[in-house]
Protein backbone atom coordinates (compact mmCIF):
# COMPACT_ATOMS: atom_id res chain seq x y z
CA MET A 1 90.93 131.18 50.21
CA PHE A 2 93.79 132.91 53.36
CA ARG A 3 95.83 134.26 50.81
CA GLY A 4 92.60 136.22 49.47
CA ILE A 5 91.93 136.99 52.99
CA LYS A 6 95.86 137.86 53.57
CA ASN A 7 95.74 140.14 50.36
CA PHE A 8 92.07 141.72 51.95
CA PHE A 9 93.48 142.66 54.99
CA LYS A 10 97.19 143.66 53.31
CA ILE A 11 95.01 146.25 51.31
CA LYS A 12 92.45 147.35 53.78
CA PHE A 13 95.17 148.41 56.08
CA ALA A 14 97.74 149.80 53.85
CA LYS A 15 99.51 152.80 55.23
CA TYR A 16 101.75 155.53 53.42
CA ASP A 17 105.69 154.86 54.32
CA ASN A 18 107.41 157.87 53.47
CA ASN A 19 110.95 156.08 53.52
CA LEU A 20 109.59 153.24 51.30
CA ILE A 21 110.57 154.13 47.97
CA ARG A 22 113.82 155.27 48.81
CA GLU A 23 114.35 151.86 50.38
CA LEU A 24 113.41 150.11 47.50
CA GLN A 25 115.37 152.41 45.41
CA GLU A 26 118.38 151.43 47.50
CA GLU A 27 117.59 147.97 47.49
CA HIS A 28 117.33 147.78 43.65
CA LYS A 29 120.67 149.33 43.63
CA LYS A 30 121.95 146.61 46.25
CA LEU A 31 120.34 143.96 43.90
CA LEU A 32 122.14 145.17 40.40
CA ASN A 33 125.11 145.44 42.38
CA SER A 34 124.83 141.84 43.82
CA PHE A 35 124.27 140.59 40.41
CA LEU A 36 126.96 142.52 39.06
CA GLU A 37 129.82 140.96 41.59
CA ILE A 38 128.12 137.63 40.65
CA GLU A 39 128.91 138.33 36.40
CA GLN A 40 132.47 139.76 37.58
CA SER A 41 133.65 137.15 39.38
CA LEU A 42 132.23 134.38 36.70
CA ILE A 43 134.34 136.73 34.10
CA GLU A 44 137.48 136.19 36.48
CA GLY A 45 136.92 132.53 36.11
CA TYR A 46 136.38 131.57 40.18
CA LYS A 47 134.61 128.14 40.77
CA HIS A 48 133.00 128.84 44.51
CA LYS A 49 132.37 132.59 44.35
CA PRO A 50 129.72 133.08 41.97
CA LEU A 51 128.04 130.29 43.94
CA PHE A 52 128.29 131.87 47.33
CA LEU A 53 127.00 135.52 45.85
CA LEU A 54 124.16 133.70 44.01
CA LYS A 55 122.81 132.10 47.32
CA PHE A 56 123.09 135.96 48.97
CA PHE A 57 121.91 137.73 45.90
CA LYS A 58 118.53 135.00 46.26
CA GLN A 59 118.13 136.16 49.82
CA GLU A 60 118.37 139.83 48.80
CA PHE A 61 115.67 139.04 46.15
CA LEU A 62 113.49 137.31 48.37
CA GLU A 63 113.59 140.03 51.06
CA HIS A 64 113.02 142.46 48.45
CA ILE A 65 110.39 141.11 46.73
CA LYS A 66 108.33 140.27 50.11
CA LYS A 67 108.29 144.10 51.01
CA GLU A 68 106.90 145.36 47.84
CA ASP A 69 104.61 142.52 47.95
CA ASN A 70 103.57 144.09 51.82
CA LYS A 71 103.79 147.02 51.27
CA LEU A 72 103.71 149.02 47.82
CA TYR A 73 100.88 147.19 45.74
CA PRO A 74 98.84 147.22 48.72
CA TYR A 75 98.98 150.59 49.37
CA LEU A 76 98.92 151.07 45.27
CA LYS A 77 95.68 148.96 44.95
CA LYS A 78 94.13 150.78 48.18
CA HIS A 79 94.66 154.31 47.03
CA THR A 80 95.23 154.59 43.58
CA LYS A 81 92.74 155.97 40.88
CA ASN A 82 94.11 153.79 38.56
CA LYS A 83 93.21 150.71 40.26
CA ASP A 84 92.96 148.32 36.63
CA GLU A 85 96.27 149.86 35.48
CA ILE A 86 98.10 148.77 39.08
CA ILE A 87 96.70 145.18 38.94
CA LYS A 88 97.97 144.73 35.17
CA LYS A 89 101.20 146.03 36.25
CA GLU A 90 101.31 143.88 39.50
CA LYS A 91 100.50 140.95 37.03
CA GLU A 92 103.13 141.93 34.66
CA MET A 93 105.96 142.30 37.53
CA GLU A 94 104.23 138.67 38.75
CA GLN A 95 105.14 137.23 35.50
CA ILE A 96 108.49 138.75 35.25
CA LEU A 97 109.35 137.41 38.75
CA GLN A 98 107.98 134.26 37.83
CA THR A 99 110.68 133.93 35.14
CA LEU A 100 113.21 134.74 37.66
CA GLU A 101 112.33 132.66 40.41
CA GLU A 102 112.24 129.90 37.85
CA GLU A 103 115.71 130.66 37.11
CA LEU A 104 116.82 131.33 40.17
CA PHE A 105 115.16 128.51 42.36
CA SER A 106 113.82 125.71 40.46
CA HIS A 107 117.28 124.58 39.00
CA ASP A 108 119.23 122.57 41.87
CA ASN A 109 122.10 122.59 39.49
CA THR A 110 123.31 126.20 40.47
CA SER A 111 125.89 126.13 37.42
CA LYS A 112 122.83 125.72 35.05
CA ILE A 113 121.88 129.28 37.15
CA LEU A 114 125.21 130.95 36.22
CA GLU A 115 124.86 129.96 32.94
CA ASN A 116 121.28 131.97 32.36
CA MET A 117 122.72 134.97 33.94
CA LYS A 118 122.25 136.96 30.50
CA LYS A 119 118.59 136.41 30.85
CA LEU A 120 118.17 136.78 34.34
CA LYS A 121 120.03 140.23 34.15
CA GLU A 122 117.33 141.33 31.28
CA HIS A 123 114.58 140.89 33.61
CA LEU A 124 115.87 141.98 36.48
CA LEU A 125 116.38 145.19 34.50
CA LYS A 126 112.90 145.24 33.30
CA ARG A 127 111.26 144.68 36.54
CA ILE A 128 113.42 147.54 38.42
CA LYS A 129 112.41 149.84 35.19
CA GLU A 130 108.63 149.21 35.39
CA GLU A 131 108.82 149.53 39.06
CA GLU A 132 111.00 153.01 39.21
CA THR A 133 109.61 154.55 36.38
CA THR A 134 105.42 153.54 36.91
CA LEU A 135 104.86 152.16 40.12
CA PHE A 136 107.00 153.97 42.71
CA LYS A 137 105.82 157.73 40.66
CA GLU A 138 102.24 156.19 41.18
CA TYR A 139 102.72 155.55 44.93
CA LEU A 140 104.18 159.04 45.64
CA LYS A 141 101.60 160.41 43.38
CA ASN A 142 99.01 158.93 45.54
CA TYR A 143 100.08 159.97 48.90
CA LYS A 144 97.09 160.05 51.69
CA ILE A 145 97.40 160.04 55.45
């Protein structure tokens, strides 16, 4: 119940942020660089560095998702003409996020996460591509003061 009320207010008071898309794109680059750094440290055979980097990646990832959930999606739901399409895209993004979260956060064994890096990378790239090619353009197109 509280989630529904919270989402209602997020959408009702959603405001356009001139810097949001640029910030999200920069965060995408940082996330991908962090991910590549984890992969590289695995290739180089480090034992503890990938685990440390993975913890940092998880924190960055959660902060990024929170920003999208609080700023991007509520604005799109409020201002776009294609509300049904945005809701559909958001559900697709939630499914990808759920897969990523399961791989990143549900395993107590961090080495299990590191084994699944290829799958994680595919899901991360799919989410970023979808956001940047569809949702970000929709956000910029539907600027309302």
